[in-house]
PDB file of N, CA and C in Angstrom:
ATOM      1  N   MET A   1      10.702  39.690   7.126  1.00  0.00           N
ATOM      2  CA  MET A   1      11.200  41.326   7.007  1.00  0.00           C
ATOM      3  C   MET A   1      10.881  42.406   7.361  1.00  0.00           C
ATOM      4  N   ALA A   2      11.678  43.099   8.243  1.00  0.00           N
ATOM      5  CA  ALA A   2      11.180  44.141   9.416  1.00  0.00           C
ATOM      6  C   ALA A   2      11.299  45.310   8.588  1.00  0.00           C
ATOM      7  N   TRP A   3      10.050  46.323   8.839  1.00  0.00           N
ATOM      8  CA  TRP A   3      10.043  47.302   8.103  1.00  0.00           C
ATOM      9  C   TRP A   3      10.648  48.570   9.250  1.00  0.00           C
ATOM     10  N   PRO A   4      11.333  49.816   9.160  1.00  0.00           N
ATOM     11  CA  PRO A   4      12.173  49.713   8.045  1.00  0.00           C
ATOM     12  C   PRO A   4      13.239  49.092   7.407  1.00  0.00           C
ATOM     13  N   PRO A   5      14.058  48.929   6.810  1.00  0.00           N
ATOM     14  CA  PRO A   5      15.362  47.898   6.588  1.00  0.00           C
ATOM     15  C   PRO A   5      16.375  48.254   7.608  1.00  0.00           C
ATOM     16  N   ASP A   6      17.359  47.502   7.671  1.00  0.00           N
ATOM     17  CA  ASP A   6      18.410  47.881   8.633  1.00  0.00           C
ATOM     18  C   ASP A   6      19.150  49.107   7.867  1.00  0.00           C
ATOM     19  N   PHE A   7      19.475  48.944   6.835  1.00  0.00           N
ATOM     20  CA  PHE A   7      20.281  49.715   6.325  1.00  0.00           C
ATOM     21  C   PHE A   7      19.919  51.309   6.103  1.00  0.00           C
ATOM     22  N   ILE A   8      18.306  51.400   6.540  1.00  0.00           N
ATOM     23  CA  ILE A   8      17.967  52.858   6.231  1.00  0.00           C
ATOM     24  C   ILE A   8      17.650  52.999   7.862  1.00  0.00           C
ATOM     25  N   ARG A   9      17.668  51.898   8.683  1.00  0.00           N
ATOM     26  CA  ARG A   9      17.236  52.335  10.057  1.00  0.00           C
ATOM     27  C   ARG A   9      18.619  52.957  10.787  1.00  0.00           C
ATOM     28  N   PHE A  10      19.705  52.763  10.355  1.00  0.00           N
ATOM     29  CA  PHE A  10      21.235  52.842  10.956  1.00  0.00           C
ATOM     30  C   PHE A  10      22.067  53.720   9.748  1.00  0.00           C
ATOM     31  N   ALA A  11      20.996  54.337   8.899  1.00  0.00           N
ATOM     32  CA  ALA A  11      21.820  55.306   7.804  1.00  0.00           C
ATOM     33  C   ALA A  11      22.348  56.464   8.403  1.00  0.00           C
ATOM     34  N   SER A  12      23.599  56.750   8.156  1.00  0.00           N
ATOM     35  CA  SER A  12      24.001  58.186   8.743  1.00  0.00           C
ATOM     36  C   SER A  12      22.625  58.997   7.928  1.00  0.00           C
ATOM     37  N   ASP A  13      23.137  60.667   8.732  1.00  0.00           N
ATOM     38  CA  ASP A  13      22.243  61.819   8.077  1.00  0.00           C
ATOM     39  C   ASP A  13      22.863  62.149   6.570  1.00  0.00           C
ATOM     40  N   ALA A  14      23.996  61.778   6.126  1.00  0.00           N
ATOM     41  CA  ALA A  14      24.492  61.966   4.847  1.00  0.00           C
ATOM     42  C   ALA A  14      23.662  61.109   3.992  1.00  0.00           C
ATOM     43  N   THR A  15      23.676  59.598   4.692  1.00  0.00           N
ATOM     44  CA  THR A  15      22.836  59.059   3.716  1.00  0.00           C
ATOM     45  C   THR A  15      21.574  59.090   3.653  1.00  0.00           C
ATOM     46  N   MET A  16      20.809  59.252   4.380  1.00  0.00           N
ATOM     47  CA  MET A  16      19.226  60.028   4.368  1.00  0.00           C
ATOM     48  C   MET A  16      19.373  61.119   3.450  1.00  0.00           C
ATOM     49  N   ALA A  17      20.319  61.826   3.333  1.00  0.00           N
ATOM     50  CA  ALA A  17      20.080  63.282   2.393  1.00  0.00           C
ATOM     51  C   ALA A  17      20.068  62.872   1.343  1.00  0.00           C
ATOM     52  N   GLY A  18      21.518  61.642   1.322  1.00  0.00           N
ATOM     53  CA  GLY A  18      21.476  61.036  -0.357  1.00  0.00           C
ATOM     54  C   GLY A  18      20.079  60.388  -0.977  1.00  0.00           C
ATOM     55  N   LEU A  19      19.312  59.883   0.210  1.00  0.00           N
ATOM     56  CA  LEU A  19      18.632  58.914  -0.363  1.00  0.00           C
ATOM     57  C   LEU A  19      17.347  59.971  -0.767  1.00  0.00           C
ATOM     58  N   TRP A  20      17.214  61.282  -0.029  1.00  0.00           N
ATOM     59  CA  TRP A  20      15.729  62.276  -0.460  1.00  0.00           C
ATOM     60  C   TRP A  20      16.605  62.458  -1.681  1.00  0.00           C
ATOM     61  N   GLY A  21      17.566  63.047  -1.763  1.00  0.00           N
ATOM     62  CA  GLY A  21      18.083  63.960  -2.807  1.00  0.00           C
ATOM     63  C   GLY A  21      17.937  63.241  -4.219  1.00  0.00           C
ATOM     64  N   GLY A  22      18.047  62.045  -4.202  1.00  0.00           N
ATOM     65  CA  GLY A  22      17.760  60.860  -4.994  1.00  0.00           C
ATOM     66  C   GLY A  22      16.432  60.915  -5.449  1.00  0.00           C
ATOM     67  N   ALA A  23      15.657  60.869  -4.115  1.00  0.00           N
ATOM     68  CA  ALA A  23      14.316  60.816  -4.959  1.00  0.00           C
ATOM     69  C   ALA A  23      14.041  61.801  -5.447  1.00  0.00           C
ATOM     70  N   LEU A  24      13.965  63.187  -5.049  1.00  0.00           N
ATOM     71  CA  LEU A  24      13.764  64.296  -5.647  1.00  0.00           C
ATOM     72  C   LEU A  24      14.235  64.403  -6.986  1.00  0.00           C
ATOM     73  N   LEU A  25      15.412  63.980  -7.684  1.00  0.00           N
ATOM     74  CA  LEU A  25      15.707  63.938  -8.543  1.00  0.00           C
ATOM     75  C   LEU A  25      15.128  63.297 -10.044  1.00  0.00           C
ATOM     76  N   LEU A  26      14.701  62.047  -8.987  1.00  0.00           N
ATOM     77  CA  LEU A  26      14.017  60.937  -9.824  1.00  0.00           C
ATOM     78  C   LEU A  26      12.598  61.457 -10.132  1.00  0.00           C
ATOM     79  N   LEU A  27      11.900  62.454  -9.232  1.00  0.00           N
ATOM     80  CA  LEU A  27      10.576  62.913  -9.318  1.00  0.00           C
ATOM     81  C   LEU A  27      11.042  64.306 -10.414  1.00  0.00           C
ATOM     82  N   SER A  28      11.966  64.856 -10.372  1.00  0.00           N
ATOM     83  CA  SER A  28      12.082  65.821 -11.457  1.00  0.00           C
ATOM     84  C   SER A  28      12.183  65.231 -12.783  1.00  0.00           C
ATOM     85  N   LEU A  29      12.908  64.227 -13.172  1.00  0.00           N
ATOM     86  CA  LEU A  29      12.802  63.481 -14.325  1.00  0.00           C
ATOM     87  C   LEU A  29      11.576  63.212 -14.906  1.00  0.00           C
ATOM     88  N   VAL A  30      10.644  62.462 -13.766  1.00  0.00           N
ATOM     89  CA  VAL A  30       9.573  62.199 -14.163  1.00  0.00           C
ATOM     90  C   VAL A  30       8.823  63.640 -14.945  1.00  0.00           C
ATOM     91  N   ALA A  31       9.066  64.846 -13.948  1.00  0.00           N
ATOM     92  CA  ALA A  31       8.017  66.063 -14.017  1.00  0.00           C
ATOM     93  C   ALA A  31       8.883  66.651 -15.465  1.00  0.00           C
ATOM     94  N   MET A  32      10.101  66.230 -15.421  1.00  0.00           N
ATOM     95  CA  MET A  32      10.231  66.386 -17.361  1.00  0.00           C
ATOM     96  C   MET A  32       9.756  66.128 -18.129  1.00  0.00           C
ATOM     97  N   LEU A  33       9.504  64.607 -17.776  1.00  0.00           N
ATOM     98  CA  LEU A  33       8.773  63.819 -19.135  1.00  0.00           C
ATOM     99  C   LEU A  33       7.681  64.366 -19.254  1.00  0.00           C
ATOM    100  N   GLY A  34       6.663  64.927 -18.007  1.00  0.00           N
ATOM    101  CA  GLY A  34       5.481  65.526 -18.210  1.00  0.00           C
ATOM    102  C   GLY A  34       5.742  66.643 -18.918  1.00  0.00           C
ATOM    103  N   ASP A  35       6.181  67.349 -18.329  1.00  0.00           N
ATOM    104  CA  ASP A  35       6.395  68.948 -19.490  1.00  0.00           C
ATOM    105  C   ASP A  35       6.472  68.556 -21.240  1.00  0.00           C
ATOM    106  N   TRP A  36       7.548  67.966 -21.355  1.00  0.00           N
ATOM    107  CA  TRP A  36       7.803  67.251 -22.640  1.00  0.00           C
ATOM    108  C   TRP A  36       6.402  66.947 -23.428  1.00  0.00           C
ATOM    109  N   ARG A  37       5.737  66.249 -22.674  1.00  0.00           N
ATOM    110  CA  ARG A  37       4.241  65.465 -23.021  1.00  0.00           C
ATOM    111  C   ARG A  37       3.454  67.069 -23.641  1.00  0.00           C
ATOM    112  N   ARG A  38       3.586  67.807 -22.189  1.00  0.00           N
ATOM    113  CA  ARG A  38       2.565  68.858 -22.438  1.00  0.00           C
ATOM    114  C   ARG A  38       2.934  69.584 -23.677  1.00  0.00           C
ATOM    115  N   ARG A  39       4.174  69.781 -23.742  1.00  0.00           N
ATOM    116  CA  ARG A  39       4.419  71.130 -25.065  1.00  0.00           C
ATOM    117  C   ARG A  39       4.516  70.253 -26.394  1.00  0.00           C
ATOM    118  N   ARG A  40       4.381  68.870 -26.607  1.00  0.00           N
ATOM    119  CA  ARG A  40       4.125  68.077 -28.041  1.00  0.00           C
ATOM    120  C   ARG A  40       2.621  67.491 -27.704  1.00  0.00           C
ATOM    121  N   ARG A  41       1.948  68.207 -27.130  1.00  0.00           N
ATOM    122  CA  ARG A  41       0.441  67.716 -27.310  1.00  0.00           C
ATOM    123  C   ARG A  41      -0.431  68.257 -28.348  1.00  0.00           C
ATOM    124  N   SER A  42      -1.389  67.634 -29.151  1.00  0.00           N
ATOM    125  CA  SER A  42      -2.238  67.513 -30.231  1.00  0.00           C
ATOM    126  C   SER A  42      -2.977  68.678 -30.176  1.00  0.00           C
ATOM    127  N   ASP A  43      -3.754  68.658 -29.319  1.00  0.00           N
ATOM    128  CA  ASP A  43      -4.775  69.816 -28.881  1.00  0.00           C
ATOM    129  C   ASP A  43      -4.275  71.093 -27.521  1.00  0.00           C
ATOM    130  N   ILE A  44      -3.987  72.186 -28.271  1.00  0.00           N
ATOM    131  CA  ILE A  44      -3.615  73.414 -27.986  1.00  0.00           C
ATOM    132  C   ILE A  44      -4.436  73.670 -26.573  1.00  0.00           C
ATOM    133  N   ASN A  45      -5.320  73.533 -26.261  1.00  0.00           N
ATOM    134  CA  ASN A  45      -6.005  73.606 -25.227  1.00  0.00           C
ATOM    135  C   ASN A  45      -6.121  72.839 -23.943  1.00  0.00           C
ATOM    136  N   ALA A  46      -6.041  71.495 -24.152  1.00  0.00           N
ATOM    137  CA  ALA A  46      -5.867  70.649 -23.225  1.00  0.00           C
ATOM    138  C   ALA A  46      -4.307  70.751 -22.305  1.00  0.00           C
ATOM    139  N   VAL A  47      -4.300  71.836 -22.072  1.00  0.00           N
ATOM    140  CA  VAL A  47      -3.160  71.533 -20.908  1.00  0.00           C
ATOM    141  C   VAL A  47      -2.799  71.142 -19.569  1.00  0.00           C
ATOM    142  N   GLY A  48      -3.966  70.674 -18.951  1.00  0.00           N
ATOM    143  CA  GLY A  48      -3.817  69.947 -17.644  1.00  0.00           C
ATOM    144  C   GLY A  48      -3.779  71.341 -16.643  1.00  0.00           C
ATOM    145  N   TRP A  49      -3.227  70.645 -15.396  1.00  0.00           N
ATOM    146  CA  TRP A  49      -3.698  71.356 -13.991  1.00  0.00           C
ATOM    147  C   TRP A  49      -2.064  70.971 -13.503  1.00  0.00           C
ATOM    148  N   VAL A  50      -1.059  70.186 -13.789  1.00  0.00           N
ATOM    149  CA  VAL A  50      -0.134  70.355 -12.988  1.00  0.00           C
ATOM    150  C   VAL A  50       1.142  71.295 -13.565  1.00  0.00           C
ATOM    151  N   PRO A  51       1.646  71.665 -12.897  1.00  0.00           N
ATOM    152  CA  PRO A  51       2.870  72.587 -13.124  1.00  0.00           C
ATOM    153  C   PRO A  51       3.902  71.875 -13.177  1.00  0.00           C
ATOM    154  N   TRP A  52       4.109  71.241 -14.252  1.00  0.00           N
ATOM    155  CA  TRP A  52       5.129  70.862 -14.701  1.00  0.00           C
ATOM    156  C   TRP A  52       6.435  71.090 -14.877  1.00  0.00           C
ATOM    157  N   ARG A  53       6.736  72.333 -15.142  1.00  0.00           N
ATOM    158  CA  ARG A  53       7.977  72.656 -15.442  1.00  0.00           C
ATOM    159  C   ARG A  53       8.467  73.466 -14.346  1.00  0.00           C
ATOM    160  N   ASP A  54       7.587  73.961 -13.265  1.00  0.00           N
ATOM    161  CA  ASP A  54       8.089  74.544 -12.204  1.00  0.00           C
ATOM    162  C   ASP A  54       8.096  73.235 -11.102  1.00  0.00           C
ATOM    163  N   LEU A  55       7.644  71.801 -11.118  1.00  0.00           N
ATOM    164  CA  LEU A  55       7.803  71.027 -10.322  1.00  0.00           C
ATOM    165  C   LEU A  55       9.263  70.278 -10.633  1.00  0.00           C
ATOM    166  N   SER A  56       9.316  70.539 -11.953  1.00  0.00           N
ATOM    167  CA  SER A  56      10.481  69.824 -12.375  1.00  0.00           C
ATOM    168  C   SER A  56      11.962  70.852 -11.955  1.00  0.00           C
ATOM    169  N   ALA A  57      12.053  72.107 -11.854  1.00  0.00           N
ATOM    170  CA  ALA A  57      13.052  72.817 -11.497  1.00  0.00           C
ATOM    171  C   ALA A  57      12.684  73.033  -9.976  1.00  0.00           C
ATOM    172  N   LEU A  58      11.702  73.130  -8.983  1.00  0.00           N
ATOM    173  CA  LEU A  58      11.989  73.132  -7.955  1.00  0.00           C
ATOM    174  C   LEU A  58      12.525  71.432  -7.092  1.00  0.00           C
ATOM    175  N   SER A  59      12.028  70.502  -7.763  1.00  0.00           N
ATOM    176  CA  SER A  59      12.604  69.525  -7.340  1.00  0.00           C
ATOM    177  C   SER A  59      14.095  69.181  -7.619  1.00  0.00           C
ATOM    178  N   ALA A  60      14.320  69.544  -8.685  1.00  0.00           N
ATOM    179  CA  ALA A  60      15.975  69.441  -8.808  1.00  0.00           C
ATOM    180  C   ALA A  60      16.797  70.095  -8.341  1.00  0.00           C
ATOM    181  N   PHE A  61      16.391  71.482  -8.190  1.00  0.00           N
ATOM    182  CA  PHE A  61      16.995  72.312  -7.088  1.00  0.00           C
ATOM    183  C   PHE A  61      17.138  71.885  -5.526  1.00  0.00           C
ATOM    184  N   ALA A  62      15.945  71.278  -4.991  1.00  0.00           N
ATOM    185  CA  ALA A  62      16.153  70.592  -3.773  1.00  0.00           C
ATOM    186  C   ALA A  62      16.664  69.333  -3.659  1.00  0.00           C
ATOM    187  N   GLY A  63      16.701  68.809  -4.947  1.00  0.00           N
ATOM    188  CA  GLY A  63      17.471  67.225  -4.722  1.00  0.00           C
ATOM    189  C   GLY A  63      19.085  67.578  -4.902  1.00  0.00           C
ATOM    190  N   ALA A  64      19.405  68.524  -5.980  1.00  0.00           N
ATOM    191  CA  ALA A  64      20.760  68.717  -6.068  1.00  0.00           C
ATOM    192  C   ALA A  64      21.341  69.445  -4.648  1.00  0.00           C
ATOM    193  N   VAL A  65      20.843  70.152  -3.818  1.00  0.00           N
ATOM    194  CA  VAL A  65      21.157  70.664  -2.539  1.00  0.00           C
ATOM    195  C   VAL A  65      21.456  69.657  -1.561  1.00  0.00           C
ATOM    196  N   LEU A  66      20.054  68.596  -1.747  1.00  0.00           N
ATOM    197  CA  LEU A  66      20.531  67.479  -0.725  1.00  0.00           C
ATOM    198  C   LEU A  66      21.550  66.446  -1.046  1.00  0.00           C
ATOM    199  N   MET A  67      22.196  66.662  -2.698  1.00  0.00           N
ATOM    200  CA  MET A  67      22.730  65.479  -2.905  1.00  0.00           C
ATOM    201  C   MET A  67      24.470  66.156  -2.584  1.00  0.00           C
ATOM    202  N   ALA A  68      24.303  67.679  -2.790  1.00  0.00           N
ATOM    203  CA  ALA A  68      25.600  68.369  -2.402  1.00  0.00           C
ATOM    204  C   ALA A  68      25.914  67.864  -0.637  1.00  0.00           C
ATOM    205  N   MET A  69      24.729  67.977   0.173  1.00  0.00           N
ATOM    206  CA  MET A  69      25.311  67.894   1.399  1.00  0.00           C
ATOM    207  C   MET A  69      25.139  66.633   1.762  1.00  0.00           C
ATOM    208  N   ALA A  70      24.897  65.431   0.911  1.00  0.00           N
ATOM    209  CA  ALA A  70      25.057  64.155   1.181  1.00  0.00           C
ATOM    210  C   ALA A  70      26.329  63.744   0.833  1.00  0.00           C
ATOM    211  N   VAL A  71      27.185  64.203  -0.203  1.00  0.00           N
ATOM    212  CA  VAL A  71      28.611  64.123  -0.871  1.00  0.00           C
ATOM    213  C   VAL A  71      29.416  64.720   0.251  1.00  0.00           C
ATOM    214  N   SER A  72      29.053  65.900   0.901  1.00  0.00           N
ATOM    215  CA  SER A  72      29.798  67.146   1.799  1.00  0.00           C
ATOM    216  C   SER A  72      30.230  65.974   3.263  1.00  0.00           C
ATOM    217  N   GLY A  73      28.516  65.295   3.694  1.00  0.00           N
ATOM    218  CA  GLY A  73      29.088  64.522   4.770  1.00  0.00           C
ATOM    219  C   GLY A  73      29.478  63.471   4.388  1.00  0.00           C
ATOM    220  N   TRP A  74      30.047  62.619   3.384  1.00  0.00           N
ATOM    221  CA  TRP A  74      30.464  61.001   2.979  1.00  0.00           C
ATOM    222  C   TRP A  74      31.762  62.039   2.916  1.00  0.00           C
ATOM    223  N   MET A  75      32.182  62.703   2.438  1.00  0.00           N
ATOM    224  CA  MET A  75      33.722  63.111   2.719  1.00  0.00           C
ATOM    225  C   MET A  75      34.142  63.628   3.637  1.00  0.00           C
ATOM    226  N   LYS A  76      33.355  63.681   4.772  1.00  0.00           N
ATOM    227  CA  LYS A  76      34.034  63.866   6.184  1.00  0.00           C
ATOM    228  C   LYS A  76      34.182  62.968   6.858  1.00  0.00           C
ATOM    229  N   ALA A  77      33.540  61.835   6.591  1.00  0.00           N
ATOM    230  CA  ALA A  77      33.540  60.547   7.563  1.00  0.00           C
ATOM    231  C   ALA A  77      34.449  59.649   7.129  1.00  0.00           C
TER     232      ALA A  77
END
């Protein structure tokens, strides 16, 4: 099997934007889970160093923009 696979190598710009948008939305879900775990922690001083809320919001916004661009590109084709 060659890397990258043919469906990625010959994908349109809209499809690539859709793949990246989906990956960012998945990252946003993981960050929301991290923020939920942080809010429910038992030791109030064990905060951690990752800004889960900010990471979730920024990746969700970027993913939504990329998905909107992808849908727009798919509709024009």
